[in-house]
C-alpha atoms as a PDB file:
ATOM      1  CA  MET A   1      15.222  17.617  12.418  1.00  0.00           C
ATOM      2  CA  TYR A   2      13.868  15.128   9.909  1.00  0.00           C
ATOM      3  CA  GLY A   3      15.846  13.435   7.162  1.00  0.00           C
ATOM      4  CA  VAL A   4      15.390  10.797   4.491  1.00  0.00           C
ATOM      5  CA  TRP A   5      16.776   7.393   3.525  1.00  0.00           C
ATOM      6  CA  PHE A   6      17.761   6.690  -0.079  1.00  0.00           C
ATOM      7  CA  ASP A   7      18.262   2.912   0.072  1.00  0.00           C
ATOM      8  CA  ASP A   8      20.809   2.552   2.894  1.00  0.00           C
ATOM      9  CA  MET A   9      22.072   6.176   2.750  1.00  0.00           C
ATOM     10  CA  HIS A  10      20.589   8.620   5.275  1.00  0.00           C
ATOM     11  CA  LEU A  11      20.636  12.366   4.570  1.00  0.00           C
ATOM     12  CA  GLY A  12      19.551  15.352   6.650  1.00  0.00           C
ATOM     13  CA  GLY A  13      18.849  15.682  10.332  1.00  0.00           C
ATOM     14  CA  THR A  14      22.459  16.548  11.190  1.00  0.00           C
ATOM     15  CA  PRO A  15      24.103  19.970  11.782  1.00  0.00           C
ATOM     16  CA  ASP A  16      26.395  19.637   8.747  1.00  0.00           C
ATOM     17  CA  LEU A  17      23.627  18.589   6.327  1.00  0.00           C
ATOM     18  CA  VAL A  18      20.087  19.892   6.701  1.00  0.00           C
ATOM     19  CA  MET A  19      17.065  18.747   4.717  1.00  0.00           C
ATOM     20  CA  ASN A  20      15.196  22.022   4.235  1.00  0.00           C
ATOM     21  CA  TYR A  21      12.099  20.293   2.898  1.00  0.00           C
ATOM     22  CA  ALA A  22      10.650  17.147   1.368  1.00  0.00           C
ATOM     23  CA  ARG A  23       7.478  18.000  -0.554  1.00  0.00           C
ATOM     24  CA  VAL A  24       5.429  14.971  -1.488  1.00  0.00           C
ATOM     25  CA  GLY A  25       3.049  15.520  -4.390  1.00  0.00           C
ATOM     26  CA  THR A  26      -0.241  13.744  -4.988  1.00  0.00           C
ATOM     27  CA  PRO A  27      -0.306  11.642  -8.184  1.00  0.00           C
ATOM     28  CA  ALA A  28      -2.833  12.827 -10.763  1.00  0.00           C
ATOM     29  CA  ALA A  29      -5.503  10.424 -11.928  1.00  0.00           C
ATOM     30  CA  LYS A  30      -5.269   9.196 -15.530  1.00  0.00           C
ATOM     31  CA  VAL A  31      -8.594  10.503 -16.799  1.00  0.00           C
ATOM     32  CA  LYS A  32      -9.728   9.138 -20.168  1.00  0.00           C
ATOM     33  CA  GLU A  33     -12.594  10.879 -21.928  1.00  0.00           C
ATOM     34  CA  ILE A  34     -14.000  10.409 -25.427  1.00  0.00           C
ATOM     35  CA  GLU A  35     -15.910  12.989 -27.421  1.00  0.00           C
ATOM     36  CA  VAL A  36     -19.072  11.358 -28.828  1.00  0.00           C
ATOM     37  CA  PRO A  37     -20.971  13.233 -31.574  1.00  0.00           C
ATOM     38  CA  GLY A  38     -24.535  14.029 -30.528  1.00  0.00           C
ATOM     39  CA  MET A  39     -23.818  13.405 -26.837  1.00  0.00           C
ATOM     40  CA  ASP A  40     -23.813  16.074 -24.161  1.00  0.00           C
ATOM     41  CA  GLY A  41     -20.490  16.319 -22.396  1.00  0.00           C
ATOM     42  CA  VAL A  42     -18.024  13.467 -22.853  1.00  0.00           C
ATOM     43  CA  LEU A  43     -17.929   9.706 -22.323  1.00  0.00           C
ATOM     44  CA  ASP A  44     -15.751   9.015 -19.290  1.00  0.00           C
ATOM     45  CA  ILE A  45     -14.024   5.614 -19.574  1.00  0.00           C
ATOM     46  CA  THR A  46     -11.436   6.258 -16.858  1.00  0.00           C
ATOM     47  CA  GLU A  47     -12.356   3.108 -14.928  1.00  0.00           C
ATOM     48  CA  SER A  48     -12.816   0.821 -17.923  1.00  0.00           C
ATOM     49  CA  LEU A  49      -9.607  -1.100 -17.169  1.00  0.00           C
ATOM     50  CA  GLY A  50     -10.546  -2.076 -13.631  1.00  0.00           C
ATOM     51  CA  GLY A  51     -10.285   1.113 -11.607  1.00  0.00           C
ATOM     52  CA  VAL A  52      -8.625   4.507 -11.665  1.00  0.00           C
ATOM     53  CA  LYS A  53      -4.971   4.526 -12.687  1.00  0.00           C
ATOM     54  CA  TYR A  54      -2.519   7.246 -11.630  1.00  0.00           C
ATOM     55  CA  GLN A  55       0.386   9.243 -13.021  1.00  0.00           C
ATOM     56  CA  SER A  56       3.812   9.216 -11.383  1.00  0.00           C
ATOM     57  CA  ARG A  57       4.246  11.008  -8.073  1.00  0.00           C
ATOM     58  CA  LYS A  58       6.825  13.769  -7.589  1.00  0.00           C
ATOM     59  CA  ILE A  59       8.819  14.366  -4.415  1.00  0.00           C
ATOM     60  CA  SER A  60      11.011  17.475  -4.181  1.00  0.00           C
ATOM     61  CA  PHE A  61      13.931  17.738  -1.752  1.00  0.00           C
ATOM     62  CA  LYS A  62      16.303  20.541  -0.815  1.00  0.00           C
ATOM     63  CA  PHE A  63      19.507  20.010   1.160  1.00  0.00           C
ATOM     64  CA  THR A  64      21.877  22.628   2.583  1.00  0.00           C
ATOM     65  CA  THR A  65      25.378  22.023   3.910  1.00  0.00           C
ATOM     66  CA  THR A  66      28.397  23.890   5.193  1.00  0.00           C
ATOM     67  CA  ASP A  67      30.651  21.281   3.570  1.00  0.00           C
ATOM     68  CA  GLY A  68      30.693  21.814  -0.196  1.00  0.00           C
ATOM     69  CA  SER A  69      32.172  18.356  -0.796  1.00  0.00           C
ATOM     70  CA  ARG A  70      28.898  16.809   0.405  1.00  0.00           C
ATOM     71  CA  ILE A  71      27.111  18.240  -2.621  1.00  0.00           C
ATOM     72  CA  GLY A  72      29.395  16.389  -5.002  1.00  0.00           C
ATOM     73  CA  GLU A  73      28.843  13.240  -2.975  1.00  0.00           C
ATOM     74  CA  LEU A  74      25.075  13.593  -3.342  1.00  0.00           C
ATOM     75  CA  VAL A  75      25.268  14.134  -7.100  1.00  0.00           C
ATOM     76  CA  ASN A  76      27.591  11.158  -7.643  1.00  0.00           C
ATOM     77  CA  THR A  77      25.490   8.855  -5.477  1.00  0.00           C
ATOM     78  CA  LEU A  78      21.936   9.891  -6.339  1.00  0.00           C
ATOM     79  CA  HIS A  79      21.671  11.595  -9.735  1.00  0.00           C
ATOM     80  CA  GLY A  80      19.888   9.354 -12.242  1.00  0.00           C
ATOM     81  CA  GLN A  81      19.575   6.479  -9.786  1.00  0.00           C
ATOM     82  CA  ARG A  82      16.435   4.565  -8.833  1.00  0.00           C
ATOM     83  CA  LYS A  83      16.096   4.399  -5.060  1.00  0.00           C
ATOM     84  CA  LYS A  84      13.886   3.232  -2.236  1.00  0.00           C
ATOM     85  CA  ILE A  85      12.915   6.410  -0.369  1.00  0.00           C
ATOM     86  CA  ILE A  86      11.863   6.472   3.289  1.00  0.00           C
ATOM     87  CA  LEU A  87      11.046   9.764   5.000  1.00  0.00           C
ATOM     88  CA  ASP A  88      11.832   9.977   8.715  1.00  0.00           C
ATOM     89  CA  ARG A  89       8.445  11.584   9.286  1.00  0.00           C
ATOM     90  CA  ASP A  90       6.592   8.683   7.631  1.00  0.00           C
ATOM     91  CA  GLU A  91       8.644   5.570   8.351  1.00  0.00           C
ATOM     92  CA  ALA A  92       5.698   3.192   7.936  1.00  0.00           C
ATOM     93  CA  PHE A  93       5.832   3.656   4.136  1.00  0.00           C
ATOM     94  CA  TYR A  94       8.392   3.884   1.343  1.00  0.00           C
ATOM     95  CA  TYR A  95       8.454   5.241  -2.224  1.00  0.00           C
ATOM     96  CA  LEU A  96      10.243   3.927  -5.316  1.00  0.00           C
ATOM     97  CA  GLY A  97      11.565   6.420  -7.819  1.00  0.00           C
ATOM     98  CA  ARG A  98      14.354   7.819  -9.967  1.00  0.00           C
ATOM     99  CA  LEU A  99      16.282  10.878  -8.793  1.00  0.00           C
ATOM    100  CA  ASP A 100      17.341  14.001 -10.662  1.00  0.00           C
ATOM    101  CA  ALA A 101      19.794  16.444  -9.081  1.00  0.00           C
ATOM    102  CA  ALA A 102      19.700  20.129 -10.069  1.00  0.00           C
ATOM    103  CA  ASP A 103      22.738  22.389 -10.299  1.00  0.00           C
ATOM    104  CA  PRO A 104      24.071  23.238  -6.826  1.00  0.00           C
ATOM    105  CA  VAL A 105      23.817  26.784  -5.482  1.00  0.00           C
ATOM    106  CA  VAL A 106      26.692  28.273  -3.442  1.00  0.00           C
ATOM    107  CA  ASN A 107      26.111  31.258  -1.183  1.00  0.00           C
ATOM    108  CA  GLY A 108      29.140  32.097   0.914  1.00  0.00           C
ATOM    109  CA  ASN A 109      29.890  29.181   3.235  1.00  0.00           C
ATOM    110  CA  LEU A 110      26.619  27.454   2.402  1.00  0.00           C
ATOM    111  CA  ALA A 111      25.923  25.136  -0.508  1.00  0.00           C
ATOM    112  CA  SER A 112      22.507  23.794  -1.385  1.00  0.00           C
ATOM    113  CA  ILE A 113      21.005  21.441  -3.924  1.00  0.00           C
ATOM    114  CA  GLU A 114      17.513  20.445  -4.986  1.00  0.00           C
ATOM    115  CA  ILE A 115      16.739  16.846  -5.862  1.00  0.00           C
ATOM    116  CA  ALA A 116      13.537  15.699  -7.558  1.00  0.00           C
ATOM    117  CA  ALA A 117      12.241  12.140  -7.382  1.00  0.00           C
ATOM    118  CA  ARG A 118       9.831  10.792  -9.987  1.00  0.00           C
ATOM    119  CA  CYS A 119       8.146   7.961  -8.132  1.00  0.00           C
ATOM    120  CA  GLU A 120       5.593   5.248  -8.647  1.00  0.00           C
ATOM    121  CA  PRO A 121       2.158   6.615  -7.684  1.00  0.00           C
ATOM    122  CA  TYR A 122       1.644   4.512  -4.574  1.00  0.00           C
ATOM    123  CA  LYS A 123       3.612   4.648  -1.370  1.00  0.00           C
ATOM    124  CA  TYR A 124       4.158   1.127  -0.080  1.00  0.00           C
ATOM    125  CA  LYS A 125       3.883  -0.176   3.459  1.00  0.00           C
ATOM    126  CA  ALA A 126       7.342  -0.841   4.856  1.00  0.00           C
ATOM    127  CA  HIS A 127       6.332  -4.341   5.941  1.00  0.00           C
ATOM    128  CA  ILE A 128       4.402  -6.986   4.031  1.00  0.00           C
ATOM    129  CA  THR A 129       0.960  -7.510   5.570  1.00  0.00           C
ATOM    130  CA  ARG A 130       0.555 -11.024   7.002  1.00  0.00           C
ATOM    131  CA  HIS A 131      -2.593 -12.763   8.198  1.00  0.00           C
ATOM    132  CA  LYS A 132      -2.227 -16.288   9.565  1.00  0.00           C
ATOM    133  CA  GLU A 133      -5.092 -18.381  10.839  1.00  0.00           C
ATOM    134  CA  ASP A 134      -5.694 -21.950  11.979  1.00  0.00           C
ATOM    135  CA  ILE A 135      -8.732 -23.450  10.266  1.00  0.00           C
ATOM    136  CA  ASN A 136     -10.710 -26.161  12.012  1.00  0.00           C
ATOM    137  CA  GLY A 137     -13.657 -26.959   9.799  1.00  0.00           C
ATOM    138  CA  ALA A 138     -14.595 -23.548   8.409  1.00  0.00           C
ATOM    139  CA  SER A 139     -13.829 -19.906   9.087  1.00  0.00           C
ATOM    140  CA  ASN A 140     -14.726 -16.475   7.756  1.00  0.00           C
ATOM    141  CA  ILE A 141     -11.638 -14.315   7.213  1.00  0.00           C
ATOM    142  CA  VAL A 142     -11.630 -10.573   6.558  1.00  0.00           C
ATOM    143  CA  LEU A 143      -8.521  -8.895   5.097  1.00  0.00           C
ATOM    144  CA  LEU A 144      -8.219  -5.109   5.275  1.00  0.00           C
ATOM    145  CA  ASN A 145      -6.360  -3.532   2.361  1.00  0.00           C
ATOM    146  CA  GLU A 146      -5.156  -0.018   1.492  1.00  0.00           C
ATOM    147  CA  LYS A 147      -5.977   1.833  -1.763  1.00  0.00           C
ATOM    148  CA  MET A 148      -3.799  -0.226  -4.130  1.00  0.00           C
ATOM    149  CA  GLN A 149      -5.203  -3.501  -5.381  1.00  0.00           C
ATOM    150  CA  ALA A 150      -3.133  -6.523  -4.373  1.00  0.00           C
ATOM    151  CA  ILE A 151      -2.982 -10.219  -5.249  1.00  0.00           C
ATOM    152  CA  PRO A 152      -2.158 -12.033  -2.002  1.00  0.00           C
ATOM    153  CA  ARG A 153       0.270 -14.917  -1.772  1.00  0.00           C
ATOM    154  CA  ILE A 154      -1.645 -17.722  -0.078  1.00  0.00           C
ATOM    155  CA  THR A 155       0.167 -20.551   1.705  1.00  0.00           C
ATOM    156  CA  LEU A 156      -1.804 -23.653   2.721  1.00  0.00           C
ATOM    157  CA  ALA A 157      -0.540 -26.322   5.099  1.00  0.00           C
ATOM    158  CA  GLU A 158      -3.270 -28.725   3.973  1.00  0.00           C
ATOM    159  CA  ARG A 159      -5.879 -29.007   1.216  1.00  0.00           C
ATOM    160  CA  MET A 160      -8.561 -26.321   1.602  1.00  0.00           C
ATOM    161  CA  ARG A 161     -11.517 -24.755  -0.154  1.00  0.00           C
ATOM    162  CA  ILE A 162     -11.494 -20.956  -0.464  1.00  0.00           C
ATOM    163  CA  THR A 163     -14.520 -18.913  -1.506  1.00  0.00           C
ATOM    164  CA  PHE A 164     -13.984 -15.313  -2.578  1.00  0.00           C
ATOM    165  CA  GLU A 165     -16.519 -13.058  -4.305  1.00  0.00           C
ATOM    166  CA  GLY A 166     -18.680 -16.007  -5.274  1.00  0.00           C
ATOM    167  CA  ARG A 167     -15.901 -18.122  -6.802  1.00  0.00           C
ATOM    168  CA  VAL A 168     -14.712 -21.355  -5.209  1.00  0.00           C
ATOM    169  CA  TYR A 169     -11.090 -22.575  -5.309  1.00  0.00           C
ATOM    170  CA  ASP A 170     -10.218 -26.135  -4.229  1.00  0.00           C
ATOM    171  CA  LEU A 171      -6.511 -26.043  -3.484  1.00  0.00           C
ATOM    172  CA  ALA A 172      -3.973 -28.626  -2.374  1.00  0.00           C
ATOM    173  CA  ALA A 173      -1.281 -27.792   0.169  1.00  0.00           C
ATOM    174  CA  GLY A 174       1.170 -25.291  -1.275  1.00  0.00           C
ATOM    175  CA  GLU A 175       1.666 -21.649  -2.177  1.00  0.00           C
ATOM    176  CA  TYR A 176      -0.527 -19.735  -4.625  1.00  0.00           C
ATOM    177  CA  GLU A 177      -1.055 -16.374  -6.307  1.00  0.00           C
ATOM    178  CA  ILE A 178      -4.433 -16.526  -8.037  1.00  0.00           C
ATOM    179  CA  ALA A 179      -5.360 -13.919 -10.639  1.00  0.00           C
ATOM    180  CA  GLY A 180      -9.018 -14.081  -9.629  1.00  0.00           C
ATOM    181  CA  ILE A 181      -8.284 -13.190  -6.002  1.00  0.00           C
ATOM    182  CA  VAL A 182      -7.597  -9.458  -5.995  1.00  0.00           C
ATOM    183  CA  LEU A 183      -7.868  -7.452  -2.787  1.00  0.00           C
ATOM    184  CA  LYS A 184      -9.718  -4.167  -3.200  1.00  0.00           C
ATOM    185  CA  GLN A 185      -9.586  -1.132  -0.927  1.00  0.00           C
ATOM    186  CA  GLY A 186     -11.284  -1.802   2.409  1.00  0.00           C
ATOM    187  CA  TYR A 187     -12.623  -5.122   3.673  1.00  0.00           C
ATOM    188  CA  ASN A 188     -12.172  -8.333   1.654  1.00  0.00           C
ATOM    189  CA  ARG A 189     -14.133 -11.348   2.867  1.00  0.00           C
ATOM    190  CA  PHE A 190     -13.136 -15.005   2.472  1.00  0.00           C
ATOM    191  CA  ARG A 191     -14.755 -18.298   3.440  1.00  0.00           C
ATOM    192  CA  VAL A 192     -12.144 -20.977   4.131  1.00  0.00           C
ATOM    193  CA  GLU A 193     -13.006 -24.638   4.695  1.00  0.00           C
ATOM    194  CA  GLY A 194     -10.615 -27.379   5.750  1.00  0.00           C
ATOM    195  CA  ASN A 195      -8.202 -28.198   8.541  1.00  0.00           C
ATOM    196  CA  GLY A 196      -4.789 -26.633   8.908  1.00  0.00           C
ATOM    197  CA  THR A 197      -3.029 -23.291   8.701  1.00  0.00           C
ATOM    198  CA  ILE A 198      -3.598 -20.633   6.042  1.00  0.00           C
ATOM    199  CA  LEU A 199      -1.305 -17.637   5.583  1.00  0.00           C
ATOM    200  CA  PHE A 200      -2.033 -14.551   3.475  1.00  0.00           C
ATOM    201  CA  ARG A 201       0.811 -12.175   2.544  1.00  0.00           C
ATOM    202  CA  TYR A 202       0.349  -9.049   0.449  1.00  0.00           C
ATOM    203  CA  GLN A 203       1.916  -5.658  -0.252  1.00  0.00           C
ATOM    204  CA  GLU A 204      -0.270  -2.695   0.650  1.00  0.00           C
ATOM    205  CA  GLY A 205      -0.008   0.665  -1.071  1.00  0.00           C
ATOM    206  CA  ALA A 206      -1.610   4.036  -0.331  1.00  0.00           C
ATOM    207  CA  LEU A 207      -1.881   7.362  -2.153  1.00  0.00           C
END
Protein backbone atom coordinates (compact mmCIF):
# COMPACT_ATOMS: atom_id res chain seq x y z
CA MET A 1 0.00 0.00 0.00
CA TYR A 2 1.31 3.42 -0.96
CA GLY A 3 1.35 6.49 1.25
CA VAL A 4 2.60 10.06 1.20
CA TRP A 5 5.02 12.30 3.10
CA PHE A 6 3.94 15.78 4.17
CA ASP A 7 7.29 17.24 5.25
CA ASP A 8 8.48 14.68 7.83
CA MET A 9 5.02 13.18 8.52
CA HIS A 10 4.15 9.95 6.68
CA LEU A 11 0.50 8.97 6.14
CA GLY A 12 -1.10 5.89 4.61
CA GLY A 13 0.31 2.47 3.88
CA THR A 14 -0.60 1.09 7.31
CA PRO A 15 -3.62 -1.02 8.41
CA ASP A 16 -4.96 1.71 10.72
CA LEU A 17 -4.69 4.52 8.14
CA VAL A 18 -5.19 3.86 4.44
CA MET A 19 -4.61 6.33 1.63
CA ASN A 20 -7.47 5.48 -0.72
CA TYR A 21 -6.08 7.63 -3.52
CA ALA A 22 -3.74 10.45 -4.47
CA ARG A 23 -4.89 12.02 -7.74
CA VAL A 24 -2.31 14.30 -9.30
CA GLY A 25 -3.73 16.83 -11.74
CA THR A 26 -1.95 18.35 -14.72
CA PRO A 27 -1.46 22.14 -14.46
CA ALA A 28 -3.28 24.12 -17.15
CA ALA A 29 -1.27 26.37 -19.42
CA LYS A 30 -1.77 30.13 -19.00
CA VAL A 31 -3.02 30.93 -22.49
CA LYS A 32 -3.11 34.62 -23.41
CA GLU A 33 -5.02 35.65 -26.51
CA ILE A 34 -5.93 39.09 -27.84
CA GLU A 35 -8.82 39.90 -30.13
CA VAL A 36 -7.54 42.08 -33.00
CA PRO A 37 -10.13 43.87 -35.18
CA GLY A 38 -9.89 42.82 -38.82
CA MET A 39 -7.83 39.71 -38.00
CA ASP A 40 -9.04 36.16 -38.41
CA GLY A 41 -8.96 34.25 -35.16
CA VAL A 42 -6.97 35.72 -32.28
CA LEU A 43 -3.40 36.85 -31.60
CA ASP A 44 -1.78 34.28 -29.34
CA ILE A 45 0.88 35.88 -27.11
CA THR A 46 1.13 32.99 -24.64
CA GLU A 47 4.90 32.66 -25.06
CA SER A 48 5.69 36.37 -25.17
CA LEU A 49 7.28 36.31 -21.70
CA GLY A 50 9.82 33.60 -22.47
CA GLY A 51 7.82 30.39 -22.70
CA VAL A 52 4.55 28.88 -21.59
CA LYS A 53 3.57 29.55 -17.98
CA TYR A 54 1.27 27.27 -15.98
CA GLN A 55 -1.52 27.48 -13.42
CA SER A 56 -1.26 25.79 -10.02
CA ARG A 57 -1.48 22.01 -9.87
CA LYS A 58 -4.09 20.22 -7.74
CA ILE A 59 -3.52 16.98 -5.86
CA SER A 60 -6.49 15.29 -4.17
CA PHE A 61 -6.08 12.80 -1.33
CA LYS A 62 -8.50 10.59 0.59
CA PHE A 63 -7.62 8.83 3.84
CA THR A 64 -9.66 6.27 5.78
CA THR A 65 -9.04 5.11 9.33
CA THR A 66 -10.57 2.95 12.03
CA ASP A 67 -9.27 5.39 14.66
CA GLY A 68 -11.38 8.55 14.61
CA SER A 69 -8.78 10.48 16.60
CA ARG A 70 -6.42 10.28 13.61
CA ILE A 71 -8.76 12.50 11.62
CA GLY A 72 -8.46 15.29 14.15
CA GLU A 73 -4.70 14.86 14.10
CA LEU A 74 -4.65 15.28 10.32
CA VAL A 75 -6.79 18.42 10.42
CA ASN A 76 -4.70 20.04 13.18
CA THR A 77 -1.42 19.21 11.46
CA LEU A 78 -2.22 19.78 7.79
CA HIS A 79 -5.17 22.12 7.25
CA GLY A 80 -4.02 25.46 5.83
CA GLN A 81 -0.35 24.50 5.97
CA ARG A 82 2.21 24.67 3.17
CA LYS A 83 4.04 21.36 2.87
CA LYS A 84 6.62 19.46 0.87
CA ILE A 85 4.74 16.48 -0.57
CA ILE A 86 6.42 13.23 -1.61
CA LEU A 87 4.35 10.33 -2.93
CA ASP A 88 5.66 6.84 -2.18
CA ARG A 89 4.96 5.85 -5.77
CA ASP A 90 7.08 8.71 -7.16
CA GLU A 91 9.87 9.27 -4.64
CA ALA A 92 12.22 10.85 -7.19
CA PHE A 93 10.14 14.07 -7.14
CA TYR A 94 8.36 16.32 -4.65
CA TYR A 95 5.60 18.95 -4.80
CA LEU A 96 5.17 22.18 -2.84
CA GLY A 97 1.68 23.28 -1.92
CA ARG A 98 -0.89 24.43 0.61
CA LEU A 99 -3.37 21.93 2.04
CA ASP A 100 -7.11 22.20 2.60
CA ALA A 101 -8.94 19.57 4.65
CA ALA A 102 -12.63 18.88 3.99
CA ASP A 103 -15.17 17.92 6.64
CA PRO A 104 -14.60 14.34 7.83
CA VAL A 105 -17.14 11.62 7.03
CA VAL A 106 -17.98 8.96 9.65
CA ASN A 107 -19.57 5.68 8.62
CA GLY A 108 -19.83 3.24 11.49
CA ASN A 109 -16.33 2.35 12.68
CA LEU A 110 -14.70 4.05 9.72
CA ALA A 111 -13.81 7.72 9.38
CA SER A 112 -12.51 9.30 6.21
CA ILE A 113 -11.31 12.70 5.09
CA GLU A 114 -10.40 14.31 1.79
CA ILE A 115 -7.47 16.70 1.58
CA ALA A 116 -6.74 18.93 -1.41
CA ALA A 117 -3.31 20.38 -2.14
CA ARG A 118 -2.90 23.46 -4.32
CA CYS A 119 0.66 23.12 -5.54
CA GLU A 120 3.20 24.91 -7.65
CA PRO A 121 2.89 23.68 -11.25
CA TYR A 122 6.18 21.82 -11.42
CA LYS A 123 7.18 18.75 -9.49
CA TYR A 124 10.79 19.06 -8.41
CA LYS A 125 13.53 16.45 -8.47
CA ALA A 126 14.24 15.25 -4.95
CA HIS A 127 17.97 15.84 -5.40
CA ILE A 128 19.76 18.83 -6.90
CA THR A 129 21.38 17.89 -10.22
CA ARG A 130 25.19 18.14 -10.07
CA HIS A 131 27.69 18.01 -12.91
CA LYS A 132 31.37 18.27 -12.00
CA GLU A 133 34.19 18.21 -14.51
CA ASP A 134 37.95 18.75 -14.55
CA ILE A 135 38.96 21.14 -17.32
CA ASN A 136 42.41 20.86 -18.85
CA GLY A 137 42.57 23.39 -21.64
CA ALA A 138 39.07 23.24 -23.10
CA SER A 139 36.01 21.01 -22.90
CA ASN A 140 32.51 20.80 -24.32
CA ILE A 141 29.92 20.16 -21.61
CA VAL A 142 26.30 19.14 -22.18
CA LEU A 143 23.74 19.53 -19.37
CA LEU A 144 20.40 17.72 -19.66
CA ASN A 145 17.47 19.55 -18.07
CA GLU A 146 13.80 18.75 -17.43
CA LYS A 147 10.86 20.94 -18.53
CA MET A 148 11.35 23.81 -16.07
CA GLN A 149 13.92 26.44 -16.95
CA ALA A 150 16.76 26.69 -14.44
CA ILE A 151 19.64 29.06 -13.72
CA PRO A 152 22.55 26.86 -12.62
CA ARG A 153 24.88 27.73 -9.77
CA ILE A 154 28.38 27.53 -11.22
CA THR A 155 31.42 27.03 -8.99
CA LEU A 156 34.89 27.57 -10.46
CA ALA A 157 38.12 26.49 -8.79
CA GLU A 158 40.16 28.72 -11.12
CA ARG A 159 39.58 31.49 -13.66
CA MET A 160 37.73 30.17 -16.72
CA ARG A 161 35.99 31.27 -19.89
CA ILE A 162 32.47 29.91 -20.46
CA THR A 163 30.62 30.17 -23.76
CA PHE A 164 26.88 29.56 -23.79
CA GLU A 165 24.48 30.31 -26.65
CA GLY A 166 26.99 32.59 -28.33
CA ARG A 167 27.81 34.69 -25.26
CA VAL A 168 31.21 34.57 -23.58
CA TYR A 169 31.75 34.95 -19.82
CA ASP A 170 35.26 35.45 -18.40
CA LEU A 171 34.98 34.49 -14.75
CA ALA A 172 37.41 34.44 -11.84
CA ALA A 173 37.39 31.61 -9.31
CA GLY A 174 34.20 31.68 -7.28
CA GLU A 175 30.50 30.90 -7.35
CA TYR A 176 28.04 32.42 -9.82
CA GLU A 177 24.39 32.53 -10.86
CA ILE A 178 24.25 34.37 -14.18
CA ALA A 179 20.93 35.66 -15.51
CA GLY A 180 22.02 35.05 -19.09
CA ILE A 181 22.70 31.36 -18.50
CA VAL A 182 19.29 29.70 -18.40
CA LEU A 183 18.94 25.97 -18.97
CA LYS A 184 16.09 25.05 -21.31
CA GLN A 185 14.36 21.69 -21.64
CA GLY A 186 16.65 19.09 -23.20
CA TYR A 187 20.34 19.46 -24.01
CA ASN A 188 22.25 22.63 -23.07
CA ARG A 189 25.74 22.96 -24.54
CA PHE A 190 28.68 24.82 -22.99
CA ARG A 191 32.26 25.47 -24.08
CA VAL A 192 34.58 25.83 -21.09
CA GLU A 193 38.20 26.95 -21.37
CA GLY A 194 40.76 27.02 -18.58
CA ASN A 195 42.36 24.70 -16.06
CA GLY A 196 40.65 23.47 -12.93
CA THR A 197 37.34 22.11 -11.71
CA ILE A 198 33.90 23.40 -12.69
CA LEU A 199 30.71 22.38 -10.89
CA PHE A 200 27.16 23.00 -12.09
CA ARG A 201 24.24 22.63 -9.65
CA TYR A 202 20.61 23.20 -10.60
CA GLN A 203 17.07 22.28 -9.57
CA GLU A 204 15.13 20.33 -12.19
CA GLY A 205 11.36 20.43 -12.45
CA ALA A 206 8.91 18.41 -14.56
CA LEU A 207 5.19 18.65 -15.34
